[in-house]
Amino acid sequence: PIEIPLGEGIVGSVAQTGRPEIIADTTQDPRYIVDDEIRHAELAVPLLFQGKVIGVIDSEHPEKGFFKEHHREALQTIAAIC
């Protein structure tokens, strides 16, 4: 596991803003931080409790443009249940 400071990387940005993000091509986003290997698409959704971000669900995929709105909706539903 890696720790990403608030506001850094895509996950840190989502944690700071509280808004989910779909990144179709991580090679075009300077915020992208490589963890174990480069992946070309990312989806990050905040976990909210009483209006505050307490975590981020992050998913990555090797294929550019992989994540769609239905993926975001599904992760937001999971985040709401958590």
PDB file of N, CA and C in Angstrom:
ATOM      1  N   PRO A   1       0.836  -1.206   0.000  1.00  0.00           N
ATOM      2  CA  PRO A   1       0.000   0.000   0.000  1.00  0.00           C
ATOM      3  C   PRO A   1       0.868   1.253   0.000  1.00  0.00           C
ATOM      4  N   ILE A   2       0.331   2.290  -0.625  1.00  0.00           N
ATOM      5  CA  ILE A   2       1.040   3.563  -0.608  1.00  0.00           C
ATOM      6  C   ILE A   2       0.117   4.615   0.006  1.00  0.00           C
ATOM      7  N   GLU A   3       0.719   5.611   0.605  1.00  0.00           N
ATOM      8  CA  GLU A   3      -0.037   6.735   1.145  1.00  0.00           C
ATOM      9  C   GLU A   3       0.151   7.912   0.214  1.00  0.00           C
ATOM     10  N   ILE A   4      -0.968   8.525  -0.163  1.00  0.00           N
ATOM     11  CA  ILE A   4      -0.925   9.685  -1.042  1.00  0.00           C
ATOM     12  C   ILE A   4      -1.456  10.879  -0.260  1.00  0.00           C
ATOM     13  N   PRO A   5      -0.667  11.919  -0.119  1.00  0.00           N
ATOM     14  CA  PRO A   5      -1.098  13.088   0.643  1.00  0.00           C
ATOM     15  C   PRO A   5      -2.329  13.761   0.031  1.00  0.00           C
ATOM     16  N   LEU A   6      -3.115  14.371   0.873  1.00  0.00           N
ATOM     17  CA  LEU A   6      -4.303  15.109   0.454  1.00  0.00           C
ATOM     18  C   LEU A   6      -3.930  16.124  -0.615  1.00  0.00           C
ATOM     19  N   GLY A   7      -4.652  16.082  -1.745  1.00  0.00           N
ATOM     20  CA  GLY A   7      -4.414  17.030  -2.827  1.00  0.00           C
ATOM     21  C   GLY A   7      -3.396  16.573  -3.847  1.00  0.00           C
ATOM     22  N   GLU A   8      -2.681  15.456  -3.575  1.00  0.00           N
ATOM     23  CA  GLU A   8      -1.678  14.969  -4.532  1.00  0.00           C
ATOM     24  C   GLU A   8      -2.209  13.765  -5.278  1.00  0.00           C
ATOM     25  N   GLY A   9      -1.863  13.661  -6.553  1.00  0.00           N
ATOM     26  CA  GLY A   9      -2.332  12.560  -7.380  1.00  0.00           C
ATOM     27  C   GLY A   9      -3.836  12.667  -7.628  1.00  0.00           C
ATOM     28  N   ILE A  10      -4.359  11.720  -8.354  1.00  0.00           N
ATOM     29  CA  ILE A  10      -5.791  11.712  -8.649  1.00  0.00           C
ATOM     30  C   ILE A  10      -6.572  11.380  -7.388  1.00  0.00           C
ATOM     31  N   VAL A  11      -6.112  10.383  -6.633  1.00  0.00           N
ATOM     32  CA  VAL A  11      -6.787   9.999  -5.397  1.00  0.00           C
ATOM     33  C   VAL A  11      -6.777  11.151  -4.388  1.00  0.00           C
ATOM     34  N   GLY A  12      -5.650  11.798  -4.245  1.00  0.00           N
ATOM     35  CA  GLY A  12      -5.554  12.924  -3.315  1.00  0.00           C
ATOM     36  C   GLY A  12      -6.439  14.086  -3.722  1.00  0.00           C
ATOM     37  N   SER A  13      -6.579  14.293  -5.033  1.00  0.00           N
ATOM     38  CA  SER A  13      -7.467  15.355  -5.527  1.00  0.00           C
ATOM     39  C   SER A  13      -8.920  15.032  -5.214  1.00  0.00           C
ATOM     40  N   VAL A  14      -9.319  13.766  -5.418  1.00  0.00           N
ATOM     41  CA  VAL A  14     -10.691  13.353  -5.108  1.00  0.00           C
ATOM     42  C   VAL A  14     -10.948  13.472  -3.600  1.00  0.00           C
ATOM     43  N   ALA A  15      -9.955  13.100  -2.808  1.00  0.00           N
ATOM     44  CA  ALA A  15     -10.088  13.243  -1.352  1.00  0.00           C
ATOM     45  C   ALA A  15     -10.262  14.703  -0.956  1.00  0.00           C
ATOM     46  N   GLN A  16      -9.581  15.589  -1.637  1.00  0.00           N
ATOM     47  CA  GLN A  16      -9.647  17.015  -1.315  1.00  0.00           C
ATOM     48  C   GLN A  16     -10.957  17.656  -1.774  1.00  0.00           C
ATOM     49  N   THR A  17     -11.426  17.279  -2.961  1.00  0.00           N
ATOM     50  CA  THR A  17     -12.624  17.918  -3.520  1.00  0.00           C
ATOM     51  C   THR A  17     -13.918  17.215  -3.121  1.00  0.00           C
ATOM     52  N   GLY A  18     -13.830  15.911  -2.831  1.00  0.00           N
ATOM     53  CA  GLY A  18     -15.035  15.147  -2.529  1.00  0.00           C
ATOM     54  C   GLY A  18     -15.860  14.814  -3.758  1.00  0.00           C
ATOM     55  N   ARG A  19     -15.267  14.965  -4.939  1.00  0.00           N
ATOM     56  CA  ARG A  19     -15.969  14.677  -6.205  1.00  0.00           C
ATOM     57  C   ARG A  19     -15.301  13.510  -6.921  1.00  0.00           C
ATOM     58  N   PRO A  20     -16.109  12.574  -7.428  1.00  0.00           N
ATOM     59  CA  PRO A  20     -15.533  11.443  -8.157  1.00  0.00           C
ATOM     60  C   PRO A  20     -14.914  11.894  -9.479  1.00  0.00           C
ATOM     61  N   GLU A  21     -13.949  11.115  -9.960  1.00  0.00           N
ATOM     62  CA  GLU A  21     -13.314  11.431 -11.238  1.00  0.00           C
ATOM     63  C   GLU A  21     -13.076  10.168 -12.037  1.00  0.00           C
ATOM     64  N   ILE A  22     -13.341  10.272 -13.335  1.00  0.00           N
ATOM     65  CA  ILE A  22     -12.972   9.237 -14.294  1.00  0.00           C
ATOM     66  C   ILE A  22     -11.857   9.833 -15.151  1.00  0.00           C
ATOM     67  N   ILE A  23     -10.726   9.153 -15.174  1.00  0.00           N
ATOM     68  CA  ILE A  23      -9.603   9.582 -16.007  1.00  0.00           C
ATOM     69  C   ILE A  23      -9.476   8.564 -17.135  1.00  0.00           C
ATOM     70  N   ALA A  24      -9.800   8.988 -18.359  1.00  0.00           N
ATOM     71  CA  ALA A  24      -9.790   8.077 -19.509  1.00  0.00           C
ATOM     72  C   ALA A  24      -8.367   7.707 -19.936  1.00  0.00           C
ATOM     73  N   ASP A  25      -7.432   8.645 -19.769  1.00  0.00           N
ATOM     74  CA  ASP A  25      -6.051   8.416 -20.214  1.00  0.00           C
ATOM     75  C   ASP A  25      -5.103   9.030 -19.187  1.00  0.00           C
ATOM     76  N   THR A  26      -4.570   8.195 -18.309  1.00  0.00           N
ATOM     77  CA  THR A  26      -3.698   8.700 -17.251  1.00  0.00           C
ATOM     78  C   THR A  26      -2.402   9.304 -17.780  1.00  0.00           C
ATOM     79  N   THR A  27      -2.013   8.936 -19.009  1.00  0.00           N
ATOM     80  CA  THR A  27      -0.785   9.513 -19.564  1.00  0.00           C
ATOM     81  C   THR A  27      -0.959  11.002 -19.866  1.00  0.00           C
ATOM     82  N   GLN A  28      -2.199  11.457 -19.919  1.00  0.00           N
ATOM     83  CA  GLN A  28      -2.485  12.868 -20.192  1.00  0.00           C
ATOM     84  C   GLN A  28      -2.787  13.662 -18.922  1.00  0.00           C
ATOM     85  N   ASP A  29      -2.724  13.010 -17.769  1.00  0.00           N
ATOM     86  CA  ASP A  29      -3.037  13.682 -16.501  1.00  0.00           C
ATOM     87  C   ASP A  29      -1.774  13.741 -15.645  1.00  0.00           C
ATOM     88  N   PRO A  30      -1.231  14.942 -15.446  1.00  0.00           N
ATOM     89  CA  PRO A  30       0.022  15.072 -14.694  1.00  0.00           C
ATOM     90  C   PRO A  30      -0.103  14.665 -13.220  1.00  0.00           C
ATOM     91  N   ARG A  31      -1.323  14.514 -12.735  1.00  0.00           N
ATOM     92  CA  ARG A  31      -1.515  14.121 -11.329  1.00  0.00           C
ATOM     93  C   ARG A  31      -1.295  12.626 -11.118  1.00  0.00           C
ATOM     94  N   TYR A  32      -1.307  11.838 -12.190  1.00  0.00           N
ATOM     95  CA  TYR A  32      -1.238  10.382 -12.058  1.00  0.00           C
ATOM     96  C   TYR A  32       0.043   9.944 -11.360  1.00  0.00           C
ATOM     97  N   ILE A  33      -0.117   9.089 -10.341  1.00  0.00           N
ATOM     98  CA  ILE A  33       1.010   8.523  -9.604  1.00  0.00           C
ATOM     99  C   ILE A  33       1.001   7.013  -9.844  1.00  0.00           C
ATOM    100  N   VAL A  34       2.110   6.485 -10.328  1.00  0.00           N
ATOM    101  CA  VAL A  34       2.241   5.045 -10.569  1.00  0.00           C
ATOM    102  C   VAL A  34       2.444   4.361  -9.224  1.00  0.00           C
ATOM    103  N   ASP A  35       1.670   3.279  -8.972  1.00  0.00           N
ATOM    104  CA  ASP A  35       1.934   2.512  -7.758  1.00  0.00           C
ATOM    105  C   ASP A  35       2.783   1.286  -8.108  1.00  0.00           C
ATOM    106  N   ASP A  36       2.185   0.157  -8.443  1.00  0.00           N
ATOM    107  CA  ASP A  36       2.999  -1.011  -8.770  1.00  0.00           C
ATOM    108  C   ASP A  36       3.304  -1.133 -10.263  1.00  0.00           C
ATOM    109  N   GLU A  37       2.396  -0.629 -11.127  1.00  0.00           N
ATOM    110  CA  GLU A  37       2.649  -0.600 -12.567  1.00  0.00           C
ATOM    111  C   GLU A  37       1.753   0.460 -13.203  1.00  0.00           C
ATOM    112  N   ILE A  38       2.119   0.896 -14.403  1.00  0.00           N
ATOM    113  CA  ILE A  38       1.353   1.927 -15.100  1.00  0.00           C
ATOM    114  C   ILE A  38       0.044   1.337 -15.609  1.00  0.00           C
ATOM    115  N   ARG A  39      -1.039   2.059 -15.347  1.00  0.00           N
ATOM    116  CA  ARG A  39      -2.346   1.701 -15.904  1.00  0.00           C
ATOM    117  C   ARG A  39      -2.884   2.939 -16.597  1.00  0.00           C
ATOM    118  N   HIS A  40      -3.694   2.747 -17.613  1.00  0.00           N
ATOM    119  CA  HIS A  40      -4.059   3.868 -18.476  1.00  0.00           C
ATOM    120  C   HIS A  40      -5.424   4.493 -18.219  1.00  0.00           C
ATOM    121  N   ALA A  41      -6.213   3.908 -17.327  1.00  0.00           N
ATOM    122  CA  ALA A  41      -7.504   4.505 -16.972  1.00  0.00           C
ATOM    123  C   ALA A  41      -7.676   4.404 -15.457  1.00  0.00           C
ATOM    124  N   GLU A  42      -8.341   5.385 -14.882  1.00  0.00           N
ATOM    125  CA  GLU A  42      -8.531   5.388 -13.429  1.00  0.00           C
ATOM    126  C   GLU A  42      -9.908   5.939 -13.082  1.00  0.00           C
ATOM    127  N   LEU A  43     -10.473   5.375 -12.032  1.00  0.00           N
ATOM    128  CA  LEU A  43     -11.747   5.829 -11.482  1.00  0.00           C
ATOM    129  C   LEU A  43     -11.559   5.962  -9.982  1.00  0.00           C
ATOM    130  N   ALA A  44     -11.841   7.122  -9.448  1.00  0.00           N
ATOM    131  CA  ALA A  44     -11.704   7.366  -8.008  1.00  0.00           C
ATOM    132  C   ALA A  44     -12.999   7.994  -7.487  1.00  0.00           C
ATOM    133  N   VAL A  45     -13.511   7.424  -6.395  1.00  0.00           N
ATOM    134  CA  VAL A  45     -14.782   7.854  -5.814  1.00  0.00           C
ATOM    135  C   VAL A  45     -14.579   8.086  -4.317  1.00  0.00           C
ATOM    136  N   PRO A  46     -15.011   9.238  -3.797  1.00  0.00           N
ATOM    137  CA  PRO A  46     -14.828   9.503  -2.374  1.00  0.00           C
ATOM    138  C   PRO A  46     -15.788   8.693  -1.500  1.00  0.00           C
ATOM    139  N   LEU A  47     -15.311   8.326  -0.319  1.00  0.00           N
ATOM    140  CA  LEU A  47     -16.154   7.753   0.726  1.00  0.00           C
ATOM    141  C   LEU A  47     -16.522   8.910   1.650  1.00  0.00           C
ATOM    142  N   LEU A  48     -17.792   9.180   1.772  1.00  0.00           N
ATOM    143  CA  LEU A  48     -18.249  10.318   2.573  1.00  0.00           C
ATOM    144  C   LEU A  48     -18.980   9.840   3.819  1.00  0.00           C
ATOM    145  N   PHE A  49     -18.739  10.522   4.935  1.00  0.00           N
ATOM    146  CA  PHE A  49     -19.466  10.277   6.171  1.00  0.00           C
ATOM    147  C   PHE A  49     -19.789  11.633   6.786  1.00  0.00           C
ATOM    148  N   GLN A  50     -21.063  11.883   6.941  1.00  0.00           N
ATOM    149  CA  GLN A  50     -21.538  13.170   7.472  1.00  0.00           C
ATOM    150  C   GLN A  50     -20.929  14.350   6.714  1.00  0.00           C
ATOM    151  N   GLY A  51     -20.871  14.198   5.387  1.00  0.00           N
ATOM    152  CA  GLY A  51     -20.399  15.275   4.529  1.00  0.00           C
ATOM    153  C   GLY A  51     -18.894  15.433   4.452  1.00  0.00           C
ATOM    154  N   LYS A  52     -18.133  14.567   5.128  1.00  0.00           N
ATOM    155  CA  LYS A  52     -16.675  14.655   5.103  1.00  0.00           C
ATOM    156  C   LYS A  52     -16.092  13.434   4.407  1.00  0.00           C
ATOM    157  N   VAL A  53     -15.011  13.656   3.659  1.00  0.00           N
ATOM    158  CA  VAL A  53     -14.322  12.553   2.988  1.00  0.00           C
ATOM    159  C   VAL A  53     -13.507  11.784   4.023  1.00  0.00           C
ATOM    160  N   ILE A  54     -13.775  10.466   4.100  1.00  0.00           N
ATOM    161  CA  ILE A  54     -13.022   9.618   5.032  1.00  0.00           C
ATOM    162  C   ILE A  54     -12.144   8.602   4.297  1.00  0.00           C
ATOM    163  N   GLY A  55     -12.236   8.589   2.985  1.00  0.00           N
ATOM    164  CA  GLY A  55     -11.440   7.673   2.185  1.00  0.00           C
ATOM    165  C   GLY A  55     -11.793   7.815   0.720  1.00  0.00           C
ATOM    166  N   VAL A  56     -11.113   7.044  -0.113  1.00  0.00           N
ATOM    167  CA  VAL A  56     -11.358   7.058  -1.556  1.00  0.00           C
ATOM    168  C   VAL A  56     -11.287   5.619  -2.066  1.00  0.00           C
ATOM    169  N   ILE A  57     -12.289   5.219  -2.844  1.00  0.00           N
ATOM    170  CA  ILE A  57     -12.230   3.949  -3.560  1.00  0.00           C
ATOM    171  C   ILE A  57     -11.579   4.255  -4.907  1.00  0.00           C
ATOM    172  N   ASP A  58     -10.501   3.558  -5.189  1.00  0.00           N
ATOM    173  CA  ASP A  58      -9.739   3.819  -6.413  1.00  0.00           C
ATOM    174  C   ASP A  58      -9.626   2.541  -7.228  1.00  0.00           C
ATOM    175  N   SER A  59      -9.879   2.651  -8.515  1.00  0.00           N
ATOM    176  CA  SER A  59      -9.767   1.508  -9.414  1.00  0.00           C
ATOM    177  C   SER A  59      -9.018   1.941 -10.660  1.00  0.00           C
ATOM    178  N   GLU A  60      -8.146   1.062 -11.137  1.00  0.00           N
ATOM    179  CA  GLU A  60      -7.366   1.361 -12.336  1.00  0.00           C
ATOM    180  C   GLU A  60      -7.489   0.213 -13.326  1.00  0.00           C
ATOM    181  N   HIS A  61      -7.293   0.519 -14.608  1.00  0.00           N
ATOM    182  CA  HIS A  61      -7.397  -0.487 -15.666  1.00  0.00           C
ATOM    183  C   HIS A  61      -6.334  -0.207 -16.722  1.00  0.00           C
ATOM    184  N   PRO A  62      -5.765  -1.257 -17.331  1.00  0.00           N
ATOM    185  CA  PRO A  62      -4.709  -1.041 -18.330  1.00  0.00           C
ATOM    186  C   PRO A  62      -5.198  -0.444 -19.644  1.00  0.00           C
ATOM    187  N   GLU A  63      -6.493  -0.501 -19.921  1.00  0.00           N
ATOM    188  CA  GLU A  63      -7.038  -0.022 -21.196  1.00  0.00           C
ATOM    189  C   GLU A  63      -7.503   1.429 -21.096  1.00  0.00           C
ATOM    190  N   LYS A  64      -7.012   2.288 -21.982  1.00  0.00           N
ATOM    191  CA  LYS A  64      -7.456   3.683 -22.010  1.00  0.00           C
ATOM    192  C   LYS A  64      -8.966   3.741 -22.270  1.00  0.00           C
ATOM    193  N   GLY A  65      -9.642   4.646 -21.576  1.00  0.00           N
ATOM    194  CA  GLY A  65     -11.067   4.852 -21.789  1.00  0.00           C
ATOM    195  C   GLY A  65     -11.958   3.744 -21.248  1.00  0.00           C
ATOM    196  N   PHE A  66     -11.414   2.868 -20.414  1.00  0.00           N
ATOM    197  CA  PHE A  66     -12.184   1.719 -19.927  1.00  0.00           C
ATOM    198  C   PHE A  66     -13.388   2.124 -19.084  1.00  0.00           C
ATOM    199  N   PHE A  67     -13.208   3.032 -18.140  1.00  0.00           N
ATOM    200  CA  PHE A  67     -14.274   3.364 -17.198  1.00  0.00           C
ATOM    201  C   PHE A  67     -15.323   4.273 -17.817  1.00  0.00           C
ATOM    202  N   LYS A  68     -16.583   3.948 -17.551  1.00  0.00           N
ATOM    203  CA  LYS A  68     -17.741   4.703 -18.048  1.00  0.00           C
ATOM    204  C   LYS A  68     -18.576   5.166 -16.862  1.00  0.00           C
ATOM    205  N   GLU A  69     -19.611   5.917 -17.160  1.00  0.00           N
ATOM    206  CA  GLU A  69     -20.470   6.454 -16.099  1.00  0.00           C
ATOM    207  C   GLU A  69     -21.115   5.349 -15.252  1.00  0.00           C
ATOM    208  N   HIS A  70     -21.450   4.205 -15.869  1.00  0.00           N
ATOM    209  CA  HIS A  70     -22.067   3.146 -15.065  1.00  0.00           C
ATOM    210  C   HIS A  70     -21.086   2.574 -14.039  1.00  0.00           C
ATOM    211  N   HIS A  71     -19.790   2.618 -14.333  1.00  0.00           N
ATOM    212  CA  HIS A  71     -18.795   2.203 -13.345  1.00  0.00           C
ATOM    213  C   HIS A  71     -18.764   3.195 -12.179  1.00  0.00           C
ATOM    214  N   ARG A  72     -18.797   4.493 -12.510  1.00  0.00           N
ATOM    215  CA  ARG A  72     -18.805   5.515 -11.461  1.00  0.00           C
ATOM    216  C   ARG A  72     -20.042   5.364 -10.586  1.00  0.00           C
ATOM    217  N   GLU A  73     -21.202   5.175 -11.217  1.00  0.00           N
ATOM    218  CA  GLU A  73     -22.442   5.021 -10.458  1.00  0.00           C
ATOM    219  C   GLU A  73     -22.378   3.812  -9.529  1.00  0.00           C
ATOM    220  N   ALA A  74     -21.829   2.707 -10.017  1.00  0.00           N
ATOM    221  CA  ALA A  74     -21.714   1.499  -9.195  1.00  0.00           C
ATOM    222  C   ALA A  74     -20.803   1.736  -7.996  1.00  0.00           C
ATOM    223  N   LEU A  75     -19.648   2.360  -8.225  1.00  0.00           N
ATOM    224  CA  LEU A  75     -18.732   2.627  -7.100  1.00  0.00           C
ATOM    225  C   LEU A  75     -19.323   3.642  -6.134  1.00  0.00           C
ATOM    226  N   GLN A  76     -20.066   4.615  -6.628  1.00  0.00           N
ATOM    227  CA  GLN A  76     -20.703   5.574  -5.724  1.00  0.00           C
ATOM    228  C   GLN A  76     -21.770   4.883  -4.870  1.00  0.00           C
ATOM    229  N   THR A  77     -22.467   3.905  -5.422  1.00  0.00           N
ATOM    230  CA  THR A  77     -23.433   3.136  -4.645  1.00  0.00           C
ATOM    231  C   THR A  77     -22.717   2.340  -3.560  1.00  0.00           C
ATOM    232  N   ILE A  78     -21.614   1.705  -3.921  1.00  0.00           N
ATOM    233  CA  ILE A  78     -20.822   0.957  -2.942  1.00  0.00           C
ATOM    234  C   ILE A  78     -20.303   1.889  -1.856  1.00  0.00           C
ATOM    235  N   ALA A  79     -19.807   3.061  -2.254  1.00  0.00           N
ATOM    236  CA  ALA A  79     -19.310   4.039  -1.286  1.00  0.00           C
ATOM    237  C   ALA A  79     -20.405   4.486  -0.331  1.00  0.00           C
ATOM    238  N   ALA A  80     -21.614   4.665  -0.836  1.00  0.00           N
ATOM    239  CA  ALA A  80     -22.740   5.103  -0.007  1.00  0.00           C
ATOM    240  C   ALA A  80     -23.106   4.015   1.017  1.00  0.00           C
ATOM    241  N   ILE A  81     -23.021   2.758   0.591  1.00  0.00           N
ATOM    242  CA  ILE A  81     -23.316   1.646   1.510  1.00  0.00           C
ATOM    243  C   ILE A  81     -22.255   1.558   2.607  1.00  0.00           C
ATOM    244  N   CYS A  82     -21.007   1.812   2.232  1.00  0.00           N
ATOM    245  CA  CYS A  82     -19.913   1.765   3.213  1.00  0.00           C
ATOM    246  C   CYS A  82     -20.098   2.814   4.290  1.00  0.00           C
TER     247      CYS A  82
END
